[in-house]
Protein backbone atom coordinates (compact mmCIF):
# COMPACT_ATOMS: atom_id res chain seq x y z
CA MET A 1 -19.23 64.53 -14.67
CA LYS A 2 -21.50 61.53 -15.38
CA HIS A 3 -21.51 62.43 -19.17
CA LYS A 4 -17.85 62.81 -19.20
CA LEU A 5 -17.49 59.46 -17.74
CA VAL A 6 -19.49 57.77 -20.18
CA GLY A 7 -17.87 59.72 -23.22
CA ALA A 8 -14.38 58.49 -21.95
CA LEU A 9 -15.72 55.11 -21.92
CA LEU A 10 -16.92 55.39 -25.31
CA CYS A 11 -13.62 56.58 -26.58
CA ILE A 12 -11.74 53.51 -24.78
CA ALA A 13 -14.45 51.13 -26.28
CA MET A 14 -14.04 52.44 -29.70
CA ILE A 15 -10.15 52.28 -29.33
CA ALA A 16 -10.33 48.79 -28.18
CA THR A 17 -12.67 47.88 -31.10
CA LEU A 18 -10.34 49.53 -33.74
CA ALA A 19 -7.33 47.59 -32.08
CA VAL A 20 -9.10 44.21 -32.16
CA GLY A 21 -10.05 44.83 -35.82
CA CYS A 22 -6.54 45.56 -36.70
CA GLU A 23 -5.49 42.46 -34.96
CA GLY A 24 -7.89 40.44 -36.72
CA LYS A 25 -6.85 41.86 -39.95
CA SER A 26 -3.16 41.01 -39.21
CA ASP A 27 -3.93 37.49 -38.13
CA LYS A 28 -5.84 36.94 -41.35
CA LYS A 29 -3.15 38.37 -43.26
CA LYS A 30 -0.52 36.04 -41.51
CA ASP A 31 -2.89 33.24 -42.11
CA THR A 32 -3.02 33.94 -45.86
CA ASP A 33 0.83 34.36 -45.87
CA SER A 34 1.40 31.10 -44.10
CA LYS A 35 -1.12 29.44 -46.45
CA ALA A 36 0.59 30.86 -49.47
CA LYS A 37 3.99 29.72 -48.18
CA GLU A 38 2.50 26.05 -47.70
CA THR A 39 1.30 26.10 -51.30
CA VAL A 40 3.27 23.62 -53.34
CA GLU A 41 4.18 24.66 -56.84
CA ILE A 42 2.86 22.14 -59.40
CA LYS A 43 5.74 20.54 -61.26
CA ASN A 44 3.78 18.73 -64.11
CA GLU A 45 0.86 21.22 -64.60
CA GLY A 46 -1.39 20.01 -67.30
CA ASP A 47 0.39 16.35 -67.67
CA PRO A 48 -0.85 14.41 -64.70
CA ILE A 49 0.58 11.25 -63.39
CA VAL A 50 -1.84 8.48 -63.77
CA ILE A 51 -1.94 5.98 -61.04
CA ALA A 52 -4.17 2.67 -60.74
CA SER A 53 -4.56 -0.28 -58.40
CA MET A 54 -6.74 -3.28 -57.82
CA THR A 55 -10.19 -3.45 -55.97
CA ASP A 56 -8.95 -5.13 -52.85
CA GLU A 57 -8.67 -3.23 -49.47
CA GLU A 58 -4.80 -3.09 -49.37
CA SER A 59 -4.61 -2.03 -53.01
CA GLN A 60 -7.01 0.79 -52.42
CA ILE A 61 -4.97 2.02 -49.52
CA TYR A 62 -1.80 1.84 -51.59
CA GLY A 63 -3.22 3.66 -54.47
CA GLU A 64 -4.51 6.44 -52.19
CA LEU A 65 -1.07 6.46 -50.34
CA ILE A 66 0.78 6.98 -53.83
CA LYS A 67 -1.80 9.84 -54.95
CA GLN A 68 -1.62 11.84 -51.51
CA VAL A 69 2.41 11.57 -51.37
CA LEU A 70 2.65 12.71 -54.99
CA GLU A 71 0.27 15.63 -54.42
CA ALA A 72 2.13 16.69 -51.28
CA ASN A 73 5.41 16.60 -53.18
CA GLY A 74 4.23 18.98 -56.03
CA TYR A 75 2.59 16.68 -58.74
CA GLU A 76 -0.61 16.65 -60.38
CA VAL A 77 -2.10 13.41 -60.29
CA GLU A 78 -5.11 11.32 -61.92
CA ALA A 79 -6.19 8.74 -59.67
CA SER A 80 -9.58 7.74 -61.29
CA GLY A 81 -8.06 4.02 -61.57
CA VAL A 82 -7.26 3.46 -58.04
CA GLY A 83 -9.29 0.74 -56.70
CA THR A 84 -10.87 -0.21 -60.19
CA TYR A 85 -9.14 -3.04 -61.45
CA ASN A 86 -10.58 -6.52 -60.48
CA ASN A 87 -7.71 -8.75 -61.38
CA SER A 88 -3.97 -9.04 -61.23
CA THR A 89 -3.57 -8.69 -65.03
CA LEU A 90 -5.17 -5.54 -65.74
CA PRO A 91 -2.84 -3.08 -63.79
CA ARG A 92 0.22 -4.65 -65.61
CA GLN A 93 -1.35 -4.51 -69.03
CA SER A 94 -2.23 -0.76 -68.52
CA LEU A 95 1.27 -0.33 -67.65
CA MET A 96 2.53 -1.93 -70.41
CA GLU A 97 0.36 -0.13 -73.07
CA LYS A 98 1.13 3.18 -71.37
CA GLN A 99 -2.22 3.99 -70.37
CA VAL A 100 -1.07 4.38 -66.78
CA ASP A 101 2.12 5.54 -65.11
CA ILE A 102 2.38 3.90 -61.72
CA VAL A 103 0.54 0.87 -60.41
CA GLN A 104 0.48 -0.87 -57.01
CA ASP A 105 1.30 -4.73 -57.43
CA TYR A 106 2.93 -7.51 -55.41
CA THR A 107 6.32 -9.13 -55.97
CA GLY A 108 4.82 -12.72 -56.34
CA ARG A 109 3.18 -11.73 -59.62
CA GLY A 110 6.78 -12.24 -61.14
CA MET A 111 6.07 -15.72 -61.03
CA MET A 112 2.94 -15.34 -62.87
CA PHE A 113 3.82 -12.87 -65.40
CA ILE A 114 7.67 -13.13 -66.27
CA GLU A 115 9.12 -16.21 -67.90
CA ASP A 116 12.04 -18.14 -66.58
CA VAL A 117 11.96 -17.07 -63.03
CA ASP A 118 12.85 -19.47 -60.61
CA PRO A 119 9.94 -19.78 -58.06
CA VAL A 120 12.18 -20.84 -55.24
CA LEU A 121 13.58 -17.49 -55.27
CA PHE A 122 10.12 -16.53 -53.76
CA GLN A 123 10.48 -18.56 -51.02
CA THR A 124 13.58 -17.25 -49.35
CA ASP A 125 13.23 -13.53 -47.92
CA LEU A 126 11.59 -10.19 -48.89
CA GLU A 127 14.64 -8.65 -50.63
CA THR A 128 15.53 -11.75 -52.75
CA ALA A 129 11.60 -11.93 -53.97
CA PHE A 130 11.48 -8.20 -54.70
CA ASN A 131 14.90 -8.04 -56.38
CA THR A 132 14.06 -11.31 -58.70
CA THR A 133 10.95 -9.49 -59.88
CA LYS A 134 12.61 -6.26 -60.46
CA GLU A 135 15.75 -7.82 -62.43
CA ALA A 136 13.50 -10.02 -64.43
CA ASP A 137 10.95 -7.40 -65.27
CA ALA A 138 13.53 -4.98 -66.45
CA LYS A 139 13.66 -6.43 -69.85
CA ASN A 140 10.05 -5.73 -70.21
CA GLY A 141 10.90 -1.98 -69.80
CA LEU A 142 9.12 -2.06 -66.22
CA VAL A 143 10.87 -0.73 -62.81
CA TRP A 144 9.82 -1.91 -59.41
CA MET A 145 10.77 0.94 -57.51
CA CYS A 146 10.14 -0.19 -53.98
CA TYR A 147 8.29 -2.42 -51.65
CA SER A 148 7.02 -2.66 -48.01
CA PRO A 149 8.69 -5.19 -45.60
CA TYR A 150 6.09 -7.74 -45.34
CA SER A 151 4.10 -10.58 -47.21
CA ASN A 152 0.55 -10.69 -48.01
CA SER A 153 0.15 -14.35 -48.92
CA ASP A 154 -1.94 -17.33 -48.32
CA GLY A 155 -1.99 -18.24 -44.67
CA ILE A 156 -3.92 -20.20 -42.06
CA CYS A 157 -5.59 -18.52 -39.20
CA VAL A 158 -6.98 -19.65 -35.66
CA THR A 159 -8.15 -17.65 -32.80
CA LYS A 160 -5.69 -15.81 -30.52
CA GLU A 161 -6.90 -17.82 -27.54
CA PHE A 162 -6.36 -21.10 -29.40
CA ALA A 163 -2.77 -20.01 -30.54
CA GLU A 164 -1.79 -19.01 -27.07
CA GLU A 165 -3.37 -22.06 -25.26
CA ASN A 166 -1.53 -24.65 -27.50
CA ASN A 167 1.76 -22.58 -27.92
CA ILE A 168 1.32 -22.20 -31.76
CA LYS A 169 3.38 -19.44 -33.03
CA ASP A 170 4.41 -20.99 -36.37
CA PHE A 171 4.04 -24.05 -38.58
CA ASN A 172 6.56 -25.89 -36.65
CA ASP A 173 4.35 -25.45 -33.60
CA PHE A 174 1.29 -26.39 -35.69
CA ALA A 175 2.92 -29.54 -36.80
CA LYS A 176 3.69 -30.65 -33.15
CA TYR A 177 0.28 -29.94 -32.09
CA ILE A 178 -1.00 -32.25 -34.85
CA ASN A 179 1.47 -34.86 -34.42
CA ASP A 180 0.63 -34.92 -30.81
CA GLY A 181 -3.03 -35.80 -31.70
CA GLY A 182 -4.42 -32.17 -31.40
CA GLU A 183 -7.91 -31.89 -32.67
CA MET A 184 -8.18 -29.90 -36.02
CA LYS A 185 -10.73 -28.77 -38.40
CA ILE A 186 -9.93 -26.06 -41.24
CA ALA A 187 -12.22 -24.20 -43.26
CA ILE A 188 -11.40 -22.95 -46.88
CA ALA A 189 -13.48 -20.57 -48.68
CA THR A 190 -15.17 -21.83 -52.03
CA GLU A 191 -12.97 -19.34 -54.11
CA ASN A 192 -9.65 -20.35 -52.23
CA SER A 193 -10.16 -24.21 -52.82
CA TYR A 194 -6.59 -24.21 -54.32
CA VAL A 195 -5.36 -23.89 -50.74
CA ALA A 196 -6.16 -27.45 -49.98
CA THR A 197 -4.22 -28.89 -53.08
CA GLU A 198 -1.39 -26.42 -54.23
CA PRO A 199 2.13 -27.24 -53.16
CA THR A 200 2.36 -23.73 -51.90
CA CYS A 201 -0.31 -24.13 -49.46
CA ILE A 202 -1.66 -27.24 -47.36
CA PRO A 203 0.34 -29.96 -49.22
CA GLY A 204 3.54 -27.67 -49.13
CA TRP A 205 3.26 -26.84 -45.48
CA GLU A 206 2.51 -30.56 -44.58
CA LYS A 207 5.76 -31.53 -46.46
CA THR A 208 8.01 -28.88 -45.19
CA TYR A 209 6.82 -28.84 -41.63
CA GLY A 210 6.24 -32.54 -41.21
CA PHE A 211 2.57 -33.23 -40.43
CA LYS A 212 -0.37 -34.55 -42.26
CA LEU A 213 -4.11 -33.75 -42.07
CA SER A 214 -6.67 -36.36 -43.02
CA GLU A 215 -9.49 -35.60 -45.68
CA ASP A 216 -12.03 -34.87 -42.95
CA GLN A 217 -9.89 -32.21 -41.23
CA VAL A 218 -10.23 -30.02 -44.15
CA VAL A 219 -13.73 -28.54 -45.21
CA ILE A 220 -13.85 -26.95 -48.51
CA GLY A 221 -16.21 -24.73 -49.85
CA VAL A 222 -17.76 -22.45 -47.36
CA SER A 223 -18.48 -18.74 -47.65
CA ASP A 224 -16.97 -17.25 -44.63
CA PRO A 225 -14.46 -19.60 -42.97
CA GLN A 226 -12.87 -16.99 -40.80
CA SER A 227 -16.22 -16.06 -39.19
CA MET A 228 -16.57 -19.84 -38.52
CA VAL A 229 -13.24 -19.84 -36.77
CA ALA A 230 -14.15 -16.78 -34.60
CA LYS A 231 -17.55 -18.37 -33.64
CA GLY A 232 -16.18 -21.94 -33.41
CA THR A 233 -18.99 -22.91 -35.91
CA ASP A 234 -19.25 -26.70 -36.57
CA GLY A 235 -16.18 -27.40 -34.73
CA ILE A 236 -14.04 -25.27 -37.09
CA LEU A 237 -10.67 -24.42 -35.31
CA ALA A 238 -8.72 -22.87 -38.24
CA ALA A 239 -9.59 -21.25 -41.79
CA ASN A 240 -7.45 -20.07 -44.89
CA CYS A 241 -6.73 -16.48 -44.97
CA TYR A 242 -4.75 -13.72 -46.53
CA THR A 243 -2.09 -12.94 -44.24
CA THR A 244 -2.73 -9.15 -43.97
CA GLY A 245 -6.48 -9.21 -44.39
CA GLY A 246 -8.51 -6.53 -42.48
CA THR A 247 -10.85 -9.14 -40.87
CA ILE A 248 -7.85 -10.79 -39.01
CA GLU A 249 -7.82 -8.20 -36.35
CA ALA A 250 -11.45 -7.41 -36.35
CA LEU A 251 -12.24 -11.15 -35.62
CA GLY A 252 -9.54 -11.66 -33.10
CA LEU A 253 -7.62 -14.14 -35.20
CA TYR A 254 -3.89 -15.11 -35.20
CA VAL A 255 -2.00 -15.93 -38.81
CA ILE A 256 0.19 -18.88 -38.18
CA GLU A 257 3.69 -17.99 -39.16
CA ASP A 258 5.30 -19.33 -42.09
CA PRO A 259 9.21 -19.26 -41.67
CA GLU A 260 10.12 -21.03 -44.51
CA TYR A 261 8.10 -18.98 -46.87
CA VAL A 262 6.15 -22.25 -48.36
CA SER A 263 3.51 -19.93 -49.42
CA PRO A 264 5.39 -17.44 -51.85
CA ILE A 265 6.41 -13.91 -50.70
CA TYR A 266 3.90 -11.15 -51.87
CA SER A 267 5.22 -7.82 -50.96
CA PRO A 268 3.15 -4.61 -52.12
CA ALA A 269 5.25 -2.63 -54.59
CA ALA A 270 5.06 0.55 -56.56
CA VAL A 271 5.97 -0.14 -60.29
CA CYS A 272 6.35 2.04 -63.41
CA THR A 273 7.79 1.97 -66.80
CA LYS A 274 11.48 2.97 -67.19
CA GLU A 275 10.39 5.84 -69.71
CA PHE A 276 8.37 7.26 -66.70
CA LEU A 277 11.01 6.99 -64.34
CA ASP A 278 13.51 8.51 -66.62
CA GLU A 279 11.19 11.50 -66.85
CA TYR A 280 10.71 11.69 -63.02
CA PRO A 281 13.67 10.01 -61.17
CA GLU A 282 13.14 11.72 -57.82
CA ILE A 283 9.80 9.96 -57.44
CA GLN A 284 11.47 6.74 -56.57
CA ASP A 285 13.22 8.42 -53.74
CA ILE A 286 9.77 9.97 -52.81
CA LEU A 287 8.00 6.68 -52.49
CA THR A 288 10.48 4.58 -50.99
CA PRO A 289 10.66 5.55 -47.54
CA VAL A 290 6.73 5.63 -47.41
CA TYR A 291 6.38 1.93 -48.55
CA GLU A 292 9.42 0.93 -46.17
CA ALA A 293 7.36 2.57 -43.20
CA ILE A 294 4.53 0.14 -43.52
CA ASP A 295 5.03 -3.26 -41.88
CA GLU A 296 2.61 -6.19 -41.04
CA THR A 297 0.96 -4.72 -38.09
CA ILE A 298 0.47 -1.26 -39.63
CA ILE A 299 -1.31 -2.47 -42.94
CA ARG A 300 -3.52 -4.98 -40.88
CA ASP A 301 -4.86 -2.22 -38.91
CA MET A 302 -5.27 0.20 -42.06
CA ASN A 303 -7.05 -2.90 -43.81
CA LYS A 304 -9.22 -3.30 -40.83
CA ARG A 305 -10.19 0.24 -40.63
CA LEU A 306 -11.03 0.19 -44.42
CA SER A 307 -12.90 -3.23 -44.49
CA THR A 308 -14.80 -3.52 -41.35
CA ASP A 309 -14.72 -0.13 -39.47
CA GLY A 310 -16.41 2.06 -42.20
CA GLU A 311 -13.49 4.45 -42.61
CA ASN A 312 -12.38 5.54 -46.12
CA ALA A 313 -9.00 5.09 -47.63
CA ALA A 314 -8.24 8.87 -47.92
CA ASP A 315 -8.46 9.54 -44.35
CA ILE A 316 -6.77 6.33 -43.31
CA VAL A 317 -3.84 7.16 -45.52
CA SER A 318 -3.75 10.78 -44.40
CA GLN A 319 -3.60 10.07 -40.85
CA PHE A 320 -0.72 7.63 -41.40
CA LEU A 321 1.31 10.26 -43.56
CA LYS A 322 0.81 13.08 -40.94
CA GLU A 323 1.53 10.83 -37.95
CA ASN A 324 4.80 9.55 -39.56
CA GLY A 325 5.82 13.14 -40.81
CA PHE A 326 5.47 12.46 -44.61
CA VAL A 327 3.26 15.27 -45.06
CA LYS A 328 2.29 18.44 -42.91
C-alpha cells in the first residue's frame, strides 16, 4: 500500500513539473512576443540623424532628450556630439556646414548671430523672442522647431531665507529693499564680470527698477559666488547666476525674478536645417510637446541632479520621459 502511495505521489509530482515547465515556456513565449511587438521599426537605417549640443549641464540634458525621443520613435541616431561643444558658435557652425542635423541652442543667440535683429524683441516675452529668432534665421536655411517655456539667462540670487525675510520676489521688491537702506553685497564670478557693466545686467536692472548700488556693494572676481552667498562668506548676500543653474536648488538659493526681462530671454530650443526638416517633417511634431513639458522648476531639478547629485543625463532624461508618458 505504501509503495502504491509513493508511486502515486511521484506521478503527481511529475505531472506538476511538466505543467510548470509548459507554463514557464508559455510565459517566455509571451514575453518574447511582447518584446517583439514593442520593437520599433527603424525608419532611417544606415542614415543616422546626427545631433549635438554644448558642454553645459542643461545642453547635455537636452541633447540626451532629443536622442532618446528620436530613438523611441524609430530613428537611428548618432549622438557622439552631445555635450561636446565648448562654445555657442560651434553647434551653429556645424549645422550650417551640414555636419550635424539637429542642435540644442537658445533663442537669445539670435541677437549674437543674426544681423538686423532688434534686441528689444528679446526682452518682451518668450514667444516673441523665439519667433524673432525663428523668422530671422529662416533666411539662413535654419529652422527653430520648438522651445521650452522658460528663460535661462543672467540673474541675481540670494538665499531663500533672505528673500522671505525681506519680502523679495522680483527686482521691484529688491529695489524697494535697497532704497529703504537695506544691507547688500553682491559677488560676481571672474568669468562673469560683464554682469557689473552690461546694460542687460546690473546697470539695466538699476535703470529699469529704480535703484543704485555703490561700488563697494559689488565684488567682482570671485571663484564661487553662489557658495559664498549660501555660507554668508565675507558678508556676501547675493551673487550672479544663470537662472536655471543646477546649484541654485542644491545651495538653497532663490533667483530674483526679472519681470521686465532686462536680461534677454534665452529659451532652450531645438534647431535643424530646412533641408533636414523637409526630409523628416514629423520630427518637429515629435519634439515640440516634449520641449513644452519642461518648465523652470523641472529643469532646475534636472540640472541639479546632473551637476551636484552625481546622476547621469541618460537616467535623468529616461525617468522624465517615462513619467510624462513620452516613452514606455
